[in-house]
Amino acid sequence: MKAVLLFRWYGEDRDKVMENLDKMEEILREIGHEVYHATKEIRSPDHQPFTQWKMLCRVFEEIDESDVIIPIIKSDDISEGMLIEIGYAHAKSKKIVLLIKKGLKHRYLKEAADQTIEFKDFDDLLNKLKELK
């Protein structure tokens, strides 16, 4: 199964985001998923500068080929781009597994998701990710 990880990028510690995505990807691969996240583009040796819209369109291509998208919401500050990506995936009838920090509301996102997994902290998120089928 191919999964696309969606996350907030702007306003975040980018090194920490990449480190966390690598840990998540490792777990998902261990349980049999092929994984894409946009930082793969940024880290590529062939990386060329891109606009936000161009990157969004690249993620759309990956969503088109995916079985499931996994947005990660850890604060009330949600990325505009991620909201667009979630809406796009929903319109394409892709399975949405929402990972959301406990205590956050975001009821529309929870209603749009096929599955919602709440987590206390990043270690809890990793443990719950191991159970994803």
N, C-alpha and C. Protein backbone atom coordinates (compact mmCIF):
# COMPACT_ATOMS: atom_id res chain seq x y z
N MET A 1 0.85 -1.17 0.00
CA MET A 1 0.00 0.00 0.00
C MET A 1 0.90 1.24 0.00
N LYS A 2 0.55 2.22 -0.82
CA LYS A 2 1.34 3.45 -0.89
C LYS A 2 0.70 4.52 -0.02
N ALA A 3 1.52 5.10 0.85
CA ALA A 3 1.05 6.14 1.77
C ALA A 3 1.80 7.45 1.50
N VAL A 4 1.05 8.55 1.63
CA VAL A 4 1.65 9.88 1.52
C VAL A 4 1.50 10.56 2.88
N LEU A 5 2.63 10.96 3.45
CA LEU A 5 2.64 11.68 4.72
C LEU A 5 2.50 13.17 4.44
N LEU A 6 1.55 13.82 5.10
CA LEU A 6 1.34 15.26 4.97
C LEU A 6 1.66 15.92 6.30
N PHE A 7 2.29 17.08 6.26
CA PHE A 7 2.79 17.70 7.47
C PHE A 7 2.94 19.20 7.28
N ARG A 8 3.04 19.90 8.38
CA ARG A 8 3.30 21.34 8.35
C ARG A 8 4.80 21.54 8.18
N TRP A 9 5.19 22.40 7.25
CA TRP A 9 6.59 22.65 6.92
C TRP A 9 7.00 24.06 7.32
N TYR A 10 6.22 25.04 6.90
CA TYR A 10 6.57 26.43 7.16
C TYR A 10 6.32 26.77 8.62
N GLY A 11 7.29 27.43 9.22
CA GLY A 11 7.19 27.81 10.62
C GLY A 11 7.63 26.70 11.57
N GLU A 12 8.14 25.61 11.04
CA GLU A 12 8.58 24.48 11.86
C GLU A 12 10.11 24.36 11.81
N ASP A 13 10.67 23.65 12.76
CA ASP A 13 12.09 23.31 12.75
C ASP A 13 12.25 22.22 11.67
N ARG A 14 12.77 22.60 10.53
CA ARG A 14 12.80 21.69 9.38
C ARG A 14 13.65 20.45 9.61
N ASP A 15 14.76 20.61 10.32
CA ASP A 15 15.58 19.43 10.62
C ASP A 15 14.80 18.43 11.47
N LYS A 16 14.04 18.93 12.44
CA LYS A 16 13.23 18.07 13.31
C LYS A 16 12.10 17.42 12.50
N VAL A 17 11.48 18.19 11.61
CA VAL A 17 10.42 17.62 10.76
C VAL A 17 10.98 16.46 9.94
N MET A 18 12.15 16.66 9.32
CA MET A 18 12.74 15.60 8.49
C MET A 18 13.12 14.39 9.34
N GLU A 19 13.66 14.63 10.51
CA GLU A 19 14.02 13.53 11.42
C GLU A 19 12.77 12.73 11.81
N ASN A 20 11.70 13.43 12.16
CA ASN A 20 10.46 12.75 12.54
C ASN A 20 9.85 11.98 11.37
N LEU A 21 9.86 12.59 10.18
CA LEU A 21 9.32 11.90 9.01
C LEU A 21 10.12 10.65 8.69
N ASP A 22 11.43 10.71 8.85
CA ASP A 22 12.27 9.54 8.62
C ASP A 22 11.89 8.40 9.57
N LYS A 23 11.64 8.73 10.83
CA LYS A 23 11.25 7.71 11.80
C LYS A 23 9.89 7.11 11.43
N MET A 24 8.96 7.97 11.03
CA MET A 24 7.64 7.49 10.63
C MET A 24 7.73 6.61 9.38
N GLU A 25 8.52 7.06 8.43
CA GLU A 25 8.69 6.28 7.20
C GLU A 25 9.26 4.90 7.49
N GLU A 26 10.23 4.84 8.37
CA GLU A 26 10.85 3.56 8.72
C GLU A 26 9.80 2.59 9.28
N ILE A 27 8.95 3.07 10.17
CA ILE A 27 7.90 2.22 10.74
C ILE A 27 6.92 1.78 9.66
N LEU A 28 6.48 2.71 8.83
CA LEU A 28 5.52 2.36 7.78
C LEU A 28 6.11 1.36 6.79
N ARG A 29 7.37 1.50 6.46
CA ARG A 29 8.02 0.53 5.55
C ARG A 29 8.10 -0.85 6.21
N GLU A 30 8.40 -0.87 7.51
CA GLU A 30 8.48 -2.13 8.24
C GLU A 30 7.16 -2.90 8.22
N ILE A 31 6.05 -2.18 8.17
CA ILE A 31 4.74 -2.87 8.15
C ILE A 31 4.18 -2.99 6.72
N GLY A 32 5.05 -2.72 5.73
CA GLY A 32 4.70 -3.04 4.35
C GLY A 32 4.22 -1.91 3.46
N HIS A 33 4.36 -0.67 3.90
CA HIS A 33 3.90 0.45 3.09
C HIS A 33 5.05 1.08 2.29
N GLU A 34 4.74 1.50 1.10
CA GLU A 34 5.63 2.37 0.33
C GLU A 34 5.26 3.79 0.79
N VAL A 35 6.26 4.65 0.99
CA VAL A 35 5.99 5.96 1.60
C VAL A 35 6.58 7.09 0.78
N TYR A 36 5.78 8.16 0.67
CA TYR A 36 6.25 9.41 0.06
C TYR A 36 5.99 10.56 1.03
N HIS A 37 6.93 11.46 1.12
CA HIS A 37 6.71 12.75 1.77
C HIS A 37 7.58 13.77 1.03
N ALA A 38 7.13 14.99 1.02
CA ALA A 38 7.74 16.02 0.17
C ALA A 38 9.18 16.33 0.51
N THR A 39 9.64 16.01 1.72
CA THR A 39 11.04 16.31 2.02
C THR A 39 11.98 15.46 1.18
N LYS A 40 11.46 14.39 0.61
CA LYS A 40 12.29 13.59 -0.30
C LYS A 40 12.73 14.42 -1.50
N GLU A 41 11.84 15.29 -1.95
CA GLU A 41 12.16 16.18 -3.08
C GLU A 41 13.27 17.15 -2.67
N ILE A 42 13.15 17.70 -1.47
CA ILE A 42 14.09 18.71 -1.00
C ILE A 42 15.47 18.11 -0.79
N ARG A 43 15.54 16.87 -0.34
CA ARG A 43 16.82 16.23 -0.04
C ARG A 43 17.47 15.59 -1.26
N SER A 44 16.75 15.51 -2.36
CA SER A 44 17.28 14.88 -3.56
C SER A 44 18.50 15.64 -4.07
N PRO A 45 19.54 14.92 -4.52
CA PRO A 45 20.71 15.60 -5.08
C PRO A 45 20.37 16.41 -6.34
N ASP A 46 19.28 16.04 -7.00
CA ASP A 46 18.85 16.75 -8.21
C ASP A 46 17.87 17.87 -7.90
N HIS A 47 17.70 18.18 -6.62
CA HIS A 47 16.71 19.17 -6.20
C HIS A 47 16.92 20.51 -6.89
N GLN A 48 15.85 21.03 -7.43
CA GLN A 48 15.83 22.35 -8.04
C GLN A 48 14.89 23.22 -7.23
N PRO A 49 15.18 24.50 -7.10
CA PRO A 49 14.25 25.38 -6.38
C PRO A 49 12.85 25.31 -7.01
N PHE A 50 11.83 25.44 -6.19
CA PHE A 50 10.46 25.33 -6.67
C PHE A 50 9.58 26.33 -5.95
N THR A 51 8.45 26.62 -6.56
CA THR A 51 7.47 27.47 -5.89
C THR A 51 6.61 26.59 -5.00
N GLN A 52 5.89 27.20 -4.09
CA GLN A 52 4.99 26.43 -3.24
C GLN A 52 3.94 25.73 -4.08
N TRP A 53 3.43 26.41 -5.10
CA TRP A 53 2.41 25.79 -5.95
C TRP A 53 2.96 24.59 -6.70
N LYS A 54 4.19 24.70 -7.20
CA LYS A 54 4.79 23.59 -7.92
C LYS A 54 4.96 22.38 -6.99
N MET A 55 5.36 22.64 -5.75
CA MET A 55 5.50 21.54 -4.80
C MET A 55 4.15 20.92 -4.49
N LEU A 56 3.14 21.75 -4.35
CA LEU A 56 1.79 21.26 -4.08
C LEU A 56 1.33 20.36 -5.23
N CYS A 57 1.58 20.77 -6.45
CA CYS A 57 1.20 19.96 -7.61
C CYS A 57 1.96 18.64 -7.63
N ARG A 58 3.21 18.65 -7.19
CA ARG A 58 4.00 17.42 -7.11
C ARG A 58 3.37 16.46 -6.08
N VAL A 59 2.94 17.01 -4.95
CA VAL A 59 2.28 16.18 -3.93
C VAL A 59 0.96 15.63 -4.48
N PHE A 60 0.23 16.43 -5.27
CA PHE A 60 -1.01 15.95 -5.89
C PHE A 60 -0.73 14.70 -6.73
N GLU A 61 0.37 14.72 -7.49
CA GLU A 61 0.73 13.55 -8.31
C GLU A 61 0.92 12.31 -7.43
N GLU A 62 1.57 12.49 -6.30
CA GLU A 62 1.79 11.36 -5.38
C GLU A 62 0.47 10.90 -4.76
N ILE A 63 -0.39 11.85 -4.42
CA ILE A 63 -1.71 11.49 -3.87
C ILE A 63 -2.49 10.68 -4.90
N ASP A 64 -2.43 11.08 -6.17
CA ASP A 64 -3.13 10.35 -7.23
C ASP A 64 -2.72 8.88 -7.27
N GLU A 65 -1.45 8.60 -6.98
CA GLU A 65 -0.93 7.24 -7.05
C GLU A 65 -0.98 6.50 -5.71
N SER A 66 -1.48 7.16 -4.69
CA SER A 66 -1.46 6.57 -3.35
C SER A 66 -2.74 5.81 -3.03
N ASP A 67 -2.66 5.01 -1.97
CA ASP A 67 -3.81 4.31 -1.43
C ASP A 67 -4.36 5.05 -0.21
N VAL A 68 -3.48 5.71 0.51
CA VAL A 68 -3.85 6.38 1.75
C VAL A 68 -2.99 7.62 1.95
N ILE A 69 -3.60 8.65 2.52
CA ILE A 69 -2.81 9.81 2.94
C ILE A 69 -2.88 9.88 4.46
N ILE A 70 -1.77 10.35 5.03
CA ILE A 70 -1.66 10.41 6.48
C ILE A 70 -1.23 11.82 6.88
N PRO A 71 -2.21 12.71 7.14
CA PRO A 71 -1.87 14.04 7.62
C PRO A 71 -1.52 13.99 9.12
N ILE A 72 -0.51 14.76 9.51
CA ILE A 72 -0.07 14.81 10.89
C ILE A 72 -0.37 16.21 11.43
N ILE A 73 -1.27 16.29 12.40
CA ILE A 73 -1.68 17.57 12.98
C ILE A 73 -1.21 17.57 14.44
N LYS A 74 -0.26 18.45 14.76
CA LYS A 74 0.25 18.46 16.13
C LYS A 74 0.00 19.78 16.85
N SER A 75 -0.64 20.73 16.18
CA SER A 75 -0.98 21.99 16.84
C SER A 75 -2.18 22.61 16.14
N ASP A 76 -2.67 23.69 16.71
CA ASP A 76 -3.79 24.40 16.09
C ASP A 76 -3.36 25.17 14.85
N ASP A 77 -2.07 25.33 14.66
CA ASP A 77 -1.55 26.01 13.47
C ASP A 77 -1.42 25.01 12.33
N ILE A 78 -2.43 24.99 11.48
CA ILE A 78 -2.44 24.03 10.38
C ILE A 78 -1.95 24.70 9.11
N SER A 79 -1.22 23.97 8.34
CA SER A 79 -0.68 24.45 7.07
C SER A 79 -1.78 24.61 6.03
N GLU A 80 -1.77 25.76 5.35
CA GLU A 80 -2.70 25.97 4.23
C GLU A 80 -2.54 24.88 3.19
N GLY A 81 -1.28 24.59 2.87
CA GLY A 81 -0.99 23.58 1.85
C GLY A 81 -1.53 22.22 2.24
N MET A 82 -1.37 21.85 3.51
CA MET A 82 -1.86 20.56 3.95
C MET A 82 -3.38 20.49 3.86
N LEU A 83 -4.05 21.58 4.19
CA LEU A 83 -5.52 21.58 4.05
C LEU A 83 -5.93 21.39 2.59
N ILE A 84 -5.21 22.02 1.69
CA ILE A 84 -5.50 21.85 0.26
C ILE A 84 -5.25 20.38 -0.14
N GLU A 85 -4.15 19.81 0.34
CA GLU A 85 -3.81 18.42 0.01
C GLU A 85 -4.88 17.46 0.56
N ILE A 86 -5.35 17.70 1.78
CA ILE A 86 -6.39 16.85 2.36
C ILE A 86 -7.68 16.96 1.53
N GLY A 87 -8.05 18.17 1.16
CA GLY A 87 -9.24 18.36 0.33
C GLY A 87 -9.11 17.67 -1.01
N TYR A 88 -7.93 17.77 -1.61
CA TYR A 88 -7.67 17.11 -2.90
C TYR A 88 -7.82 15.59 -2.75
N ALA A 89 -7.20 15.04 -1.70
CA ALA A 89 -7.28 13.59 -1.47
C ALA A 89 -8.72 13.16 -1.23
N HIS A 90 -9.46 13.96 -0.50
CA HIS A 90 -10.87 13.65 -0.22
C HIS A 90 -11.66 13.63 -1.53
N ALA A 91 -11.42 14.62 -2.39
CA ALA A 91 -12.12 14.69 -3.68
C ALA A 91 -11.77 13.51 -4.57
N LYS A 92 -10.58 12.95 -4.38
CA LYS A 92 -10.14 11.79 -5.17
C LYS A 92 -10.52 10.47 -4.50
N SER A 93 -11.30 10.56 -3.41
CA SER A 93 -11.76 9.38 -2.67
C SER A 93 -10.61 8.52 -2.12
N LYS A 94 -9.56 9.17 -1.69
CA LYS A 94 -8.43 8.47 -1.08
C LYS A 94 -8.73 8.25 0.40
N LYS A 95 -8.24 7.16 0.92
CA LYS A 95 -8.39 6.89 2.36
C LYS A 95 -7.55 7.92 3.11
N ILE A 96 -8.14 8.47 4.18
CA ILE A 96 -7.44 9.47 4.99
C ILE A 96 -7.35 8.94 6.42
N VAL A 97 -6.11 8.78 6.89
CA VAL A 97 -5.85 8.40 8.28
C VAL A 97 -5.24 9.63 8.95
N LEU A 98 -6.03 10.27 9.78
CA LEU A 98 -5.62 11.50 10.44
C LEU A 98 -4.89 11.19 11.74
N LEU A 99 -3.66 11.68 11.85
CA LEU A 99 -2.91 11.59 13.10
C LEU A 99 -3.00 12.97 13.74
N ILE A 100 -3.62 13.06 14.90
CA ILE A 100 -3.87 14.36 15.52
C ILE A 100 -3.56 14.30 17.01
N LYS A 101 -2.88 15.34 17.47
CA LYS A 101 -2.52 15.42 18.88
C LYS A 101 -3.78 15.53 19.73
N LYS A 102 -3.81 14.79 20.84
CA LYS A 102 -4.96 14.81 21.74
C LYS A 102 -5.22 16.23 22.22
N GLY A 103 -6.50 16.55 22.31
CA GLY A 103 -6.91 17.85 22.81
C GLY A 103 -7.18 18.89 21.74
N LEU A 104 -6.76 18.63 20.51
CA LEU A 104 -7.05 19.57 19.42
C LEU A 104 -8.45 19.28 18.88
N LYS A 105 -9.13 20.30 18.48
CA LYS A 105 -10.52 20.13 18.01
C LYS A 105 -10.56 19.66 16.56
N HIS A 106 -10.44 20.57 15.64
CA HIS A 106 -10.42 20.26 14.19
C HIS A 106 -11.48 19.23 13.81
N ARG A 107 -12.71 19.48 14.19
CA ARG A 107 -13.76 18.48 13.97
C ARG A 107 -14.02 18.20 12.49
N TYR A 108 -13.83 19.20 11.62
CA TYR A 108 -14.05 18.94 10.20
C TYR A 108 -13.05 17.92 9.68
N LEU A 109 -11.82 18.05 10.12
CA LEU A 109 -10.81 17.09 9.67
C LEU A 109 -11.12 15.69 10.20
N LYS A 110 -11.55 15.62 11.45
CA LYS A 110 -11.90 14.31 12.02
C LYS A 110 -13.08 13.69 11.26
N GLU A 111 -14.04 14.52 10.88
CA GLU A 111 -15.20 14.01 10.14
C GLU A 111 -14.81 13.57 8.73
N ALA A 112 -13.85 14.25 8.13
CA ALA A 112 -13.43 13.91 6.76
C ALA A 112 -12.57 12.65 6.72
N ALA A 113 -11.92 12.34 7.84
CA ALA A 113 -11.00 11.20 7.88
C ALA A 113 -11.75 9.88 7.94
N ASP A 114 -11.16 8.88 7.32
CA ASP A 114 -11.69 7.52 7.42
C ASP A 114 -11.31 6.90 8.75
N GLN A 115 -10.18 7.34 9.28
CA GLN A 115 -9.70 6.84 10.57
C GLN A 115 -8.96 7.99 11.25
N THR A 116 -9.18 8.14 12.55
CA THR A 116 -8.48 9.17 13.32
C THR A 116 -7.70 8.49 14.43
N ILE A 117 -6.43 8.84 14.52
CA ILE A 117 -5.57 8.31 15.58
C ILE A 117 -5.06 9.50 16.38
N GLU A 118 -5.43 9.54 17.65
CA GLU A 118 -4.97 10.63 18.51
C GLU A 118 -3.71 10.18 19.25
N PHE A 119 -2.79 11.11 19.43
CA PHE A 119 -1.53 10.79 20.11
C PHE A 119 -1.20 11.85 21.15
N LYS A 120 -0.47 11.44 22.19
CA LYS A 120 -0.07 12.35 23.27
C LYS A 120 1.19 13.13 22.91
N ASP A 121 2.17 12.41 22.36
CA ASP A 121 3.46 12.99 22.01
C ASP A 121 4.02 12.18 20.84
N PHE A 122 5.20 12.54 20.40
CA PHE A 122 5.74 11.89 19.20
C PHE A 122 6.00 10.40 19.42
N ASP A 123 6.48 10.01 20.60
CA ASP A 123 6.71 8.59 20.88
C ASP A 123 5.40 7.81 20.82
N ASP A 124 4.35 8.40 21.36
CA ASP A 124 3.03 7.77 21.31
C ASP A 124 2.57 7.64 19.86
N LEU A 125 2.80 8.67 19.06
CA LEU A 125 2.45 8.63 17.63
C LEU A 125 3.16 7.46 16.95
N LEU A 126 4.46 7.31 17.22
CA LEU A 126 5.22 6.22 16.59
C LEU A 126 4.67 4.85 17.00
N ASN A 127 4.33 4.69 18.26
CA ASN A 127 3.78 3.41 18.72
C ASN A 127 2.44 3.11 18.05
N LYS A 128 1.61 4.12 17.92
CA LYS A 128 0.30 3.90 17.29
C LYS A 128 0.43 3.68 15.80
N LEU A 129 1.43 4.26 15.20
CA LEU A 129 1.66 4.08 13.76
C LEU A 129 1.99 2.62 13.44
N LYS A 130 2.62 1.94 14.36
CA LYS A 130 2.98 0.52 14.17
C LYS A 130 1.75 -0.35 13.99
N GLU A 131 0.59 0.12 14.48
CA GLU A 131 -0.65 -0.65 14.40
C GLU A 131 -1.43 -0.37 13.12
N LEU A 132 -0.97 0.57 12.33
CA LEU A 132 -1.69 0.94 11.12
C LEU A 132 -1.62 -0.18 10.09
N LYS A 133 -2.76 -0.52 9.55
CA LYS A 133 -2.81 -1.59 8.53
C LYS A 133 -2.96 -1.01 7.15
